[in-house]
Amino acid sequence: PIMGFKHLPAIDVLLMPRQDEPPMGAGESASVPGPAAIANAL
């Protein structure tokens, strides 16, 4: 089971302006706080 497009919410992405820092990647990092945020909203 994967959520279909018609069930996806509006998603806003805010990128921190850190051009003076080394690149740290954007892979799985955005996933990590998700379940906790959902549990807190519940």
PDB file of all heavy atoms in Angstrom:
ATOM      1  N   PRO A   1       0.825  -1.220   0.000  1.00  0.00           N
ATOM      2  CA  PRO A   1       0.000   0.000   0.000  1.00  0.00           C
ATOM      3  C   PRO A   1       0.855   1.265   0.000  1.00  0.00           C
ATOM      4  O   PRO A   1       1.764   1.416   0.803  1.00  0.00           O
ATOM      5  CB  PRO A   1      -0.777  -0.123   1.315  1.00  0.00           C
ATOM      6  CG  PRO A   1       0.133  -0.898   2.208  1.00  0.00           C
ATOM      7  CD  PRO A   1       0.919  -1.827   1.311  1.00  0.00           C
ATOM      8  N   ILE A   2       0.569   2.126  -0.923  1.00  0.00           N
ATOM      9  CA  ILE A   2       1.221   3.430  -0.940  1.00  0.00           C
ATOM     10  C   ILE A   2       0.143   4.474  -1.222  1.00  0.00           C
ATOM     11  O   ILE A   2      -0.809   4.217  -1.952  1.00  0.00           O
ATOM     12  CB  ILE A   2       2.377   3.500  -1.962  1.00  0.00           C
ATOM     13  CG1 ILE A   2       3.195   4.774  -1.755  1.00  0.00           C
ATOM     14  CG2 ILE A   2       1.877   3.375  -3.384  1.00  0.00           C
ATOM     15  CD1 ILE A   2       4.574   4.721  -2.341  1.00  0.00           C
ATOM     16  N   MET A   3       0.276   5.609  -0.602  1.00  0.00           N
ATOM     17  CA  MET A   3      -0.725   6.659  -0.736  1.00  0.00           C
ATOM     18  C   MET A   3      -0.767   7.162  -2.175  1.00  0.00           C
ATOM     19  O   MET A   3       0.260   7.494  -2.752  1.00  0.00           O
ATOM     20  CB  MET A   3      -0.387   7.799   0.226  1.00  0.00           C
ATOM     21  CG  MET A   3      -1.474   8.818   0.342  1.00  0.00           C
ATOM     22  SD  MET A   3      -1.183   9.929   1.726  1.00  0.00           S
ATOM     23  CE  MET A   3      -1.639   8.884   3.090  1.00  0.00           C
ATOM     24  N   GLY A   4      -1.962   7.216  -2.738  1.00  0.00           N
ATOM     25  CA  GLY A   4      -2.130   7.716  -4.093  1.00  0.00           C
ATOM     26  C   GLY A   4      -2.130   9.229  -4.137  1.00  0.00           C
ATOM     27  O   GLY A   4      -2.337   9.903  -3.123  1.00  0.00           O
ATOM     28  N   PHE A   5      -1.913   9.777  -5.325  1.00  0.00           N
ATOM     29  CA  PHE A   5      -1.817  11.217  -5.486  1.00  0.00           C
ATOM     30  C   PHE A   5      -3.071  11.947  -5.007  1.00  0.00           C
ATOM     31  O   PHE A   5      -2.977  13.031  -4.449  1.00  0.00           O
ATOM     32  CB  PHE A   5      -1.533  11.579  -6.942  1.00  0.00           C
ATOM     33  CG  PHE A   5      -0.121  11.281  -7.349  1.00  0.00           C
ATOM     34  CD1 PHE A   5       0.141  10.342  -8.320  1.00  0.00           C
ATOM     35  CD2 PHE A   5       0.935  11.943  -6.760  1.00  0.00           C
ATOM     36  CE1 PHE A   5       1.443  10.063  -8.690  1.00  0.00           C
ATOM     37  CE2 PHE A   5       2.243  11.669  -7.114  1.00  0.00           C
ATOM     38  CZ  PHE A   5       2.500  10.717  -8.093  1.00  0.00           C
ATOM     39  N   LYS A   6      -4.248  11.362  -5.202  1.00  0.00           N
ATOM     40  CA  LYS A   6      -5.470  12.073  -4.811  1.00  0.00           C
ATOM     41  C   LYS A   6      -5.601  12.196  -3.294  1.00  0.00           C
ATOM     42  O   LYS A   6      -6.377  13.014  -2.813  1.00  0.00           O
ATOM     43  CB  LYS A   6      -6.709  11.422  -5.418  1.00  0.00           C
ATOM     44  CG  LYS A   6      -7.077  10.088  -4.847  1.00  0.00           C
ATOM     45  CD  LYS A   6      -8.332   9.557  -5.521  1.00  0.00           C
ATOM     46  CE  LYS A   6      -8.762   8.258  -4.884  1.00  0.00           C
ATOM     47  NZ  LYS A   6     -10.004   7.776  -5.435  1.00  0.00           N
ATOM     48  N   HIS A   7      -4.828  11.405  -2.532  1.00  0.00           N
ATOM     49  CA  HIS A   7      -4.878  11.485  -1.070  1.00  0.00           C
ATOM     50  C   HIS A   7      -3.713  12.277  -0.474  1.00  0.00           C
ATOM     51  O   HIS A   7      -3.645  12.454   0.729  1.00  0.00           O
ATOM     52  CB  HIS A   7      -4.917  10.083  -0.459  1.00  0.00           C
ATOM     53  CG  HIS A   7      -6.187   9.370  -0.770  1.00  0.00           C
ATOM     54  ND1 HIS A   7      -6.239   8.311  -1.648  1.00  0.00           N
ATOM     55  CD2 HIS A   7      -7.444   9.585  -0.363  1.00  0.00           C
ATOM     56  CE1 HIS A   7      -7.484   7.901  -1.749  1.00  0.00           C
ATOM     57  NE2 HIS A   7      -8.242   8.663  -0.984  1.00  0.00           N
ATOM     58  N   LEU A   8      -2.787  12.698  -1.324  1.00  0.00           N
ATOM     59  CA  LEU A   8      -1.653  13.471  -0.813  1.00  0.00           C
ATOM     60  C   LEU A   8      -2.101  14.883  -0.459  1.00  0.00           C
ATOM     61  O   LEU A   8      -2.867  15.507  -1.188  1.00  0.00           O
ATOM     62  CB  LEU A   8      -0.533  13.542  -1.845  1.00  0.00           C
ATOM     63  CG  LEU A   8       0.308  12.288  -1.991  1.00  0.00           C
ATOM     64  CD1 LEU A   8       1.305  12.453  -3.126  1.00  0.00           C
ATOM     65  CD2 LEU A   8       1.025  11.966  -0.697  1.00  0.00           C
ATOM     66  N   PRO A   9      -1.594  15.394   0.652  1.00  0.00           N
ATOM     67  CA  PRO A   9      -1.940  16.761   1.055  1.00  0.00           C
ATOM     68  C   PRO A   9      -1.067  17.771   0.319  1.00  0.00           C
ATOM     69  O   PRO A   9      -0.138  17.414  -0.403  1.00  0.00           O
ATOM     70  CB  PRO A   9      -1.578  16.752   2.543  1.00  0.00           C
ATOM     71  CG  PRO A   9      -0.388  15.841   2.596  1.00  0.00           C
ATOM     72  CD  PRO A   9      -0.705  14.739   1.615  1.00  0.00           C
ATOM     73  N   ALA A  10      -1.366  19.025   0.567  1.00  0.00           N
ATOM     74  CA  ALA A  10      -0.460  20.086   0.125  1.00  0.00           C
ATOM     75  C   ALA A  10       0.838  19.923   0.910  1.00  0.00           C
ATOM     76  O   ALA A  10       0.822  19.694   2.118  1.00  0.00           O
ATOM     77  CB  ALA A  10      -1.083  21.451   0.407  1.00  0.00           C
ATOM     78  N   ILE A  11       1.961  19.996   0.216  1.00  0.00           N
ATOM     79  CA  ILE A  11       3.278  19.839   0.847  1.00  0.00           C
ATOM     80  C   ILE A  11       4.099  21.074   0.517  1.00  0.00           C
ATOM     81  O   ILE A  11       4.363  21.355  -0.649  1.00  0.00           O
ATOM     82  CB  ILE A  11       4.010  18.578   0.341  1.00  0.00           C
ATOM     83  CG1 ILE A  11       3.173  17.329   0.580  1.00  0.00           C
ATOM     84  CG2 ILE A  11       5.386  18.463   0.989  1.00  0.00           C
ATOM     85  CD1 ILE A  11       3.672  16.100  -0.156  1.00  0.00           C
ATOM     86  N   ASP A  12       4.470  21.821   1.552  1.00  0.00           N
ATOM     87  CA  ASP A  12       5.331  22.985   1.376  1.00  0.00           C
ATOM     88  C   ASP A  12       6.717  22.630   1.890  1.00  0.00           C
ATOM     89  O   ASP A  12       6.847  22.081   2.985  1.00  0.00           O
ATOM     90  CB  ASP A  12       4.800  24.186   2.165  1.00  0.00           C
ATOM     91  CG  ASP A  12       3.456  24.663   1.662  1.00  0.00           C
ATOM     92  OD1 ASP A  12       3.249  24.684   0.443  1.00  0.00           O
ATOM     93  OD2 ASP A  12       2.610  25.010   2.510  1.00  0.00           O
ATOM     94  N   VAL A  13       7.733  22.951   1.110  1.00  0.00           N
ATOM     95  CA  VAL A  13       9.109  22.660   1.490  1.00  0.00           C
ATOM     96  C   VAL A  13       9.852  23.979   1.658  1.00  0.00           C
ATOM     97  O   VAL A  13       9.868  24.812   0.750  1.00  0.00           O
ATOM     98  CB  VAL A  13       9.812  21.791   0.428  1.00  0.00           C
ATOM     99  CG1 VAL A  13      11.267  21.549   0.813  1.00  0.00           C
ATOM    100  CG2 VAL A  13       9.069  20.469   0.239  1.00  0.00           C
ATOM    101  N   LEU A  14      10.431  24.155   2.838  1.00  0.00           N
ATOM    102  CA  LEU A  14      11.241  25.338   3.121  1.00  0.00           C
ATOM    103  C   LEU A  14      12.696  24.891   3.266  1.00  0.00           C
ATOM    104  O   LEU A  14      13.020  24.097   4.159  1.00  0.00           O
ATOM    105  CB  LEU A  14      10.778  25.997   4.416  1.00  0.00           C
ATOM    106  CG  LEU A  14       9.309  26.392   4.467  1.00  0.00           C
ATOM    107  CD1 LEU A  14       8.927  26.868   5.855  1.00  0.00           C
ATOM    108  CD2 LEU A  14       9.016  27.461   3.444  1.00  0.00           C
ATOM    109  N   LEU A  15      13.545  25.387   2.400  1.00  0.00           N
ATOM    110  CA  LEU A  15      14.967  25.031   2.442  1.00  0.00           C
ATOM    111  C   LEU A  15      15.736  26.122   3.174  1.00  0.00           C
ATOM    112  O   LEU A  15      15.567  27.307   2.888  1.00  0.00           O
ATOM    113  CB  LEU A  15      15.516  24.868   1.024  1.00  0.00           C
ATOM    114  CG  LEU A  15      14.829  23.811   0.166  1.00  0.00           C
ATOM    115  CD1 LEU A  15      15.430  23.797  -1.231  1.00  0.00           C
ATOM    116  CD2 LEU A  15      14.934  22.447   0.821  1.00  0.00           C
ATOM    117  N   MET A  16      16.553  25.700   4.124  1.00  0.00           N
ATOM    118  CA  MET A  16      17.367  26.666   4.866  1.00  0.00           C
ATOM    119  C   MET A  16      18.488  27.172   3.957  1.00  0.00           C
ATOM    120  O   MET A  16      19.157  26.376   3.299  1.00  0.00           O
ATOM    121  CB  MET A  16      17.973  26.006   6.109  1.00  0.00           C
ATOM    122  CG  MET A  16      16.948  25.551   7.121  1.00  0.00           C
ATOM    123  SD  MET A  16      15.939  26.882   7.767  1.00  0.00           S
ATOM    124  CE  MET A  16      17.164  27.861   8.592  1.00  0.00           C
ATOM    125  N   PRO A  17      18.732  28.470   3.938  1.00  0.00           N
ATOM    126  CA  PRO A  17      19.794  29.018   3.095  1.00  0.00           C
ATOM    127  C   PRO A  17      21.153  28.855   3.784  1.00  0.00           C
ATOM    128  O   PRO A  17      21.580  29.715   4.553  1.00  0.00           O
ATOM    129  CB  PRO A  17      19.391  30.486   2.947  1.00  0.00           C
ATOM    130  CG  PRO A  17      18.629  30.792   4.204  1.00  0.00           C
ATOM    131  CD  PRO A  17      17.941  29.506   4.587  1.00  0.00           C
ATOM    132  N   ARG A  18      21.823  27.772   3.523  1.00  0.00           N
ATOM    133  CA  ARG A  18      23.118  27.469   4.156  1.00  0.00           C
ATOM    134  C   ARG A  18      24.187  27.231   3.090  1.00  0.00           C
ATOM    135  O   ARG A  18      24.908  26.239   3.144  1.00  0.00           O
ATOM    136  CB  ARG A  18      22.989  26.228   5.037  1.00  0.00           C
ATOM    137  CG  ARG A  18      21.893  26.292   6.055  1.00  0.00           C
ATOM    138  CD  ARG A  18      22.425  26.797   7.353  1.00  0.00           C
ATOM    139  NE  ARG A  18      21.436  26.531   8.399  1.00  0.00           N
ATOM    140  CZ  ARG A  18      21.072  27.423   9.273  1.00  0.00           C
ATOM    141  NH1 ARG A  18      21.637  28.610   9.275  1.00  0.00           N
ATOM    142  NH2 ARG A  18      20.175  27.139  10.180  1.00  0.00           N
ATOM    143  N   GLN A  19      24.286  28.107   2.133  1.00  0.00           N
ATOM    144  CA  GLN A  19      25.210  27.913   1.027  1.00  0.00           C
ATOM    145  C   GLN A  19      26.674  27.966   1.457  1.00  0.00           C
ATOM    146  O   GLN A  19      27.553  27.549   0.716  1.00  0.00           O
ATOM    147  CB  GLN A  19      24.940  28.939  -0.083  1.00  0.00           C
ATOM    148  CG  GLN A  19      23.577  28.769  -0.754  1.00  0.00           C
ATOM    149  CD  GLN A  19      23.360  27.371  -1.309  1.00  0.00           C
ATOM    150  OE1 GLN A  19      22.774  26.525  -0.653  1.00  0.00           O
ATOM    151  NE2 GLN A  19      23.852  27.128  -2.505  1.00  0.00           N
ATOM    152  N   ASP A  20      26.944  28.433   2.672  1.00  0.00           N
ATOM    153  CA  ASP A  20      28.315  28.478   3.174  1.00  0.00           C
ATOM    154  C   ASP A  20      28.705  27.190   3.900  1.00  0.00           C
ATOM    155  O   ASP A  20      29.831  27.057   4.376  1.00  0.00           O
ATOM    156  CB  ASP A  20      28.501  29.685   4.096  1.00  0.00           C
ATOM    157  CG  ASP A  20      27.526  29.695   5.261  1.00  0.00           C
ATOM    158  OD1 ASP A  20      26.420  29.105   5.133  1.00  0.00           O
ATOM    159  OD2 ASP A  20      27.846  30.291   6.306  1.00  0.00           O
ATOM    160  N   GLU A  21      27.784  26.231   3.983  1.00  0.00           N
ATOM    161  CA  GLU A  21      28.032  24.945   4.657  1.00  0.00           C
ATOM    162  C   GLU A  21      28.249  23.857   3.613  1.00  0.00           C
ATOM    163  O   GLU A  21      27.793  23.970   2.478  1.00  0.00           O
ATOM    164  CB  GLU A  21      26.825  24.566   5.529  1.00  0.00           C
ATOM    165  CG  GLU A  21      26.525  25.540   6.644  1.00  0.00           C
ATOM    166  CD  GLU A  21      27.574  25.521   7.742  1.00  0.00           C
ATOM    167  OE1 GLU A  21      28.145  24.436   7.998  1.00  0.00           O
ATOM    168  OE2 GLU A  21      27.820  26.583   8.332  1.00  0.00           O
ATOM    169  N   PRO A  22      28.913  22.762   3.994  1.00  0.00           N
ATOM    170  CA  PRO A  22      29.045  21.648   3.035  1.00  0.00           C
ATOM    171  C   PRO A  22      27.682  21.004   2.783  1.00  0.00           C
ATOM    172  O   PRO A  22      26.808  21.019   3.657  1.00  0.00           O
ATOM    173  CB  PRO A  22      29.989  20.669   3.745  1.00  0.00           C
ATOM    174  CG  PRO A  22      30.016  21.073   5.163  1.00  0.00           C
ATOM    175  CD  PRO A  22      29.603  22.510   5.248  1.00  0.00           C
ATOM    176  N   PRO A  23      27.471  20.425   1.594  1.00  0.00           N
ATOM    177  CA  PRO A  23      26.210  19.741   1.322  1.00  0.00           C
ATOM    178  C   PRO A  23      26.087  18.480   2.191  1.00  0.00           C
ATOM    179  O   PRO A  23      27.046  17.746   2.356  1.00  0.00           O
ATOM    180  CB  PRO A  23      26.285  19.406  -0.167  1.00  0.00           C
ATOM    181  CG  PRO A  23      27.725  19.485  -0.528  1.00  0.00           C
ATOM    182  CD  PRO A  23      28.383  20.392   0.460  1.00  0.00           C
ATOM    183  N   MET A  24      24.902  18.268   2.780  1.00  0.00           N
ATOM    184  CA  MET A  24      24.701  17.124   3.683  1.00  0.00           C
ATOM    185  C   MET A  24      23.739  16.083   3.120  1.00  0.00           C
ATOM    186  O   MET A  24      23.412  15.126   3.776  1.00  0.00           O
ATOM    187  CB  MET A  24      24.169  17.613   5.028  1.00  0.00           C
ATOM    188  CG  MET A  24      25.140  18.474   5.795  1.00  0.00           C
ATOM    189  SD  MET A  24      24.539  18.883   7.429  1.00  0.00           S
ATOM    190  CE  MET A  24      23.327  20.141   7.086  1.00  0.00           C
ATOM    191  N   GLY A  25      23.220  16.299   1.919  1.00  0.00           N
ATOM    192  CA  GLY A  25      22.296  15.343   1.330  1.00  0.00           C
ATOM    193  C   GLY A  25      20.869  15.589   1.764  1.00  0.00           C
ATOM    194  O   GLY A  25      20.612  16.217   2.785  1.00  0.00           O
ATOM    195  N   ALA A  26      19.935  15.085   0.959  1.00  0.00           N
ATOM    196  CA  ALA A  26      18.519  15.288   1.253  1.00  0.00           C
ATOM    197  C   ALA A  26      17.738  13.991   1.096  1.00  0.00           C
ATOM    198  O   ALA A  26      16.537  14.025   0.921  1.00  0.00           O
ATOM    199  CB  ALA A  26      17.955  16.357   0.324  1.00  0.00           C
ATOM    200  N   GLY A  27      18.405  12.874   1.151  1.00  0.00           N
ATOM    201  CA  GLY A  27      17.729  11.590   0.975  1.00  0.00           C
ATOM    202  C   GLY A  27      16.709  11.313   2.045  1.00  0.00           C
ATOM    203  O   GLY A  27      15.667  11.951   2.116  1.00  0.00           O
ATOM    204  N   GLU A  28      17.005  10.368   2.911  1.00  0.00           N
ATOM    205  CA  GLU A  28      16.045   9.922   3.917  1.00  0.00           C
ATOM    206  C   GLU A  28      15.823  10.912   5.047  1.00  0.00           C
ATOM    207  O   GLU A  28      14.917  10.734   5.855  1.00  0.00           O
ATOM    208  CB  GLU A  28      16.500   8.587   4.520  1.00  0.00           C
ATOM    209  CG  GLU A  28      16.486   7.443   3.546  1.00  0.00           C
ATOM    210  CD  GLU A  28      17.745   7.352   2.696  1.00  0.00           C
ATOM    211  OE1 GLU A  28      18.653   8.197   2.862  1.00  0.00           O
ATOM    212  OE2 GLU A  28      17.821   6.461   1.853  1.00  0.00           O
ATOM    213  N   SER A  29      16.604  11.945   5.134  1.00  0.00           N
ATOM    214  CA  SER A  29      16.528  12.858   6.277  1.00  0.00           C
ATOM    215  C   SER A  29      15.138  13.452   6.467  1.00  0.00           C
ATOM    216  O   SER A  29      14.684  13.624   7.598  1.00  0.00           O
ATOM    217  CB  SER A  29      17.558  13.979   6.135  1.00  0.00           C
ATOM    218  OG  SER A  29      17.362  14.673   4.919  1.00  0.00           O
ATOM    219  N   ALA A  30      14.428  13.749   5.392  1.00  0.00           N
ATOM    220  CA  ALA A  30      13.103  14.352   5.522  1.00  0.00           C
ATOM    221  C   ALA A  30      12.083  13.369   6.074  1.00  0.00           C
ATOM    222  O   ALA A  30      11.032  13.778   6.554  1.00  0.00           O
ATOM    223  CB  ALA A  30      12.628  14.895   4.177  1.00  0.00           C
ATOM    224  N   SER A  31      12.375  12.085   6.025  1.00  0.00           N
ATOM    225  CA  SER A  31      11.440  11.069   6.533  1.00  0.00           C
ATOM    226  C   SER A  31      11.488  10.922   8.047  1.00  0.00           C
ATOM    227  O   SER A  31      10.488  10.547   8.660  1.00  0.00           O
ATOM    228  CB  SER A  31      11.762   9.706   5.918  1.00  0.00           C
ATOM    229  OG  SER A  31      11.658   9.747   4.526  1.00  0.00           O
ATOM    230  N   VAL A  32      12.615  11.198   8.643  1.00  0.00           N
ATOM    231  CA  VAL A  32      12.851  10.840  10.048  1.00  0.00           C
ATOM    232  C   VAL A  32      11.814  11.441  11.014  1.00  0.00           C
ATOM    233  O   VAL A  32      11.273  10.724  11.850  1.00  0.00           O
ATOM    234  CB  VAL A  32      14.293  11.179  10.464  1.00  0.00           C
ATOM    235  CG1 VAL A  32      14.536  10.850  11.917  1.00  0.00           C
ATOM    236  CG2 VAL A  32      15.287  10.421   9.584  1.00  0.00           C
ATOM    237  N   PRO A  33      11.469  12.732  10.951  1.00  0.00           N
ATOM    238  CA  PRO A  33      10.519  13.264  11.936  1.00  0.00           C
ATOM    239  C   PRO A  33       9.053  12.980  11.625  1.00  0.00           C
ATOM    240  O   PRO A  33       8.180  13.279  12.440  1.00  0.00           O
ATOM    241  CB  PRO A  33      10.790  14.766  11.920  1.00  0.00           C
ATOM    242  CG  PRO A  33      11.319  15.036  10.561  1.00  0.00           C
ATOM    243  CD  PRO A  33      12.076  13.801  10.148  1.00  0.00           C
ATOM    244  N   GLY A  34       8.744  12.395  10.466  1.00  0.00           N
ATOM    245  CA  GLY A  34       7.361  12.220  10.047  1.00  0.00           C
ATOM    246  C   GLY A  34       6.466  11.465  11.012  1.00  0.00           C
ATOM    247  O   GLY A  34       5.412  11.989  11.425  1.00  0.00           O
ATOM    248  N   PRO A  35       6.807  10.226  11.403  1.00  0.00           N
ATOM    249  CA  PRO A  35       5.911   9.496  12.312  1.00  0.00           C
ATOM    250  C   PRO A  35       5.687  10.199  13.644  1.00  0.00           C
ATOM    251  O   PRO A  35       4.576  10.179  14.180  1.00  0.00           O
ATOM    252  CB  PRO A  35       6.628   8.153  12.504  1.00  0.00           C
ATOM    253  CG  PRO A  35       7.465   7.998  11.276  1.00  0.00           C
ATOM    254  CD  PRO A  35       7.905   9.397  10.921  1.00  0.00           C
ATOM    255  N   ALA A  36       6.708  10.861  14.171  1.00  0.00           N
ATOM    256  CA  ALA A  36       6.542  11.583  15.439  1.00  0.00           C
ATOM    257  C   ALA A  36       5.601  12.770  15.266  1.00  0.00           C
ATOM    258  O   ALA A  36       4.759  13.035  16.130  1.00  0.00           O
ATOM    259  CB  ALA A  36       7.898  12.044  15.969  1.00  0.00           C
ATOM    260  N   ALA A  37       5.725  13.490  14.148  1.00  0.00           N
ATOM    261  CA  ALA A  37       4.821  14.615  13.896  1.00  0.00           C
ATOM    262  C   ALA A  37       3.385  14.129  13.756  1.00  0.00           C
ATOM    263  O   ALA A  37       2.451  14.759  14.279  1.00  0.00           O
ATOM    264  CB  ALA A  37       5.260  15.373  12.643  1.00  0.00           C
ATOM    265  N   ILE A  38       3.190  12.998  13.075  1.00  0.00           N
ATOM    266  CA  ILE A  38       1.846  12.430  12.930  1.00  0.00           C
ATOM    267  C   ILE A  38       1.298  12.037  14.300  1.00  0.00           C
ATOM    268  O   ILE A  38       0.145  12.344  14.636  1.00  0.00           O
ATOM    269  CB  ILE A  38       1.853  11.239  11.965  1.00  0.00           C
ATOM    270  CG1 ILE A  38       2.214  11.703  10.551  1.00  0.00           C
ATOM    271  CG2 ILE A  38       0.497  10.529  11.970  1.00  0.00           C
ATOM    272  CD1 ILE A  38       2.554  10.579   9.597  1.00  0.00           C
ATOM    273  N   ALA A  39       2.113  11.358  15.107  1.00  0.00           N
ATOM    274  CA  ALA A  39       1.671  10.958  16.449  1.00  0.00           C
ATOM    275  C   ALA A  39       1.321  12.177  17.294  1.00  0.00           C
ATOM    276  O   ALA A  39       0.330  12.160  18.041  1.00  0.00           O
ATOM    277  CB  ALA A  39       2.743  10.117  17.136  1.00  0.00           C
ATOM    278  N   ASN A  40       2.102  13.240  17.184  1.00  0.00           N
ATOM    279  CA  ASN A  40       1.799  14.460  17.937  1.00  0.00           C
ATOM    280  C   ASN A  40       0.505  15.111  17.448  1.00  0.00           C
ATOM    281  O   ASN A  40      -0.280  15.624  18.250  1.00  0.00           O
ATOM    282  CB  ASN A  40       2.968  15.440  17.858  1.00  0.00           C
ATOM    283  CG  ASN A  40       4.159  14.977  18.673  1.00  0.00           C
ATOM    284  OD1 ASN A  40       4.010  14.220  19.627  1.00  0.00           O
ATOM    285  ND2 ASN A  40       5.347  15.419  18.299  1.00  0.00           N
ATOM    286  N   ALA A  41       0.256  15.090  16.152  1.00  0.00           N
ATOM    287  CA  ALA A  41      -0.994  15.635  15.615  1.00  0.00           C
ATOM    288  C   ALA A  41      -2.179  14.779  16.058  1.00  0.00           C
ATOM    289  O   ALA A  41      -3.253  15.315  16.354  1.00  0.00           O
ATOM    290  CB  ALA A  41      -0.923  15.718  14.095  1.00  0.00           C
ATOM    291  N   LEU A  42      -1.986  13.468  16.119  1.00  0.00           N
ATOM    292  CA  LEU A  42      -3.060  12.594  16.606  1.00  0.00           C
ATOM    293  C   LEU A  42      -3.376  12.890  18.068  1.00  0.00           C
ATOM    294  O   LEU A  42      -4.544  12.877  18.469  1.00  0.00           O
ATOM    295  CB  LEU A  42      -2.681  11.125  16.428  1.00  0.00           C
ATOM    296  CG  LEU A  42      -2.821  10.591  15.013  1.00  0.00           C
ATOM    297  CD1 LEU A  42      -2.213   9.203  14.909  1.00  0.00           C
ATOM    298  CD2 LEU A  42      -4.275  10.584  14.579  1.00  0.00           C
TER     299      LEU A  42
END
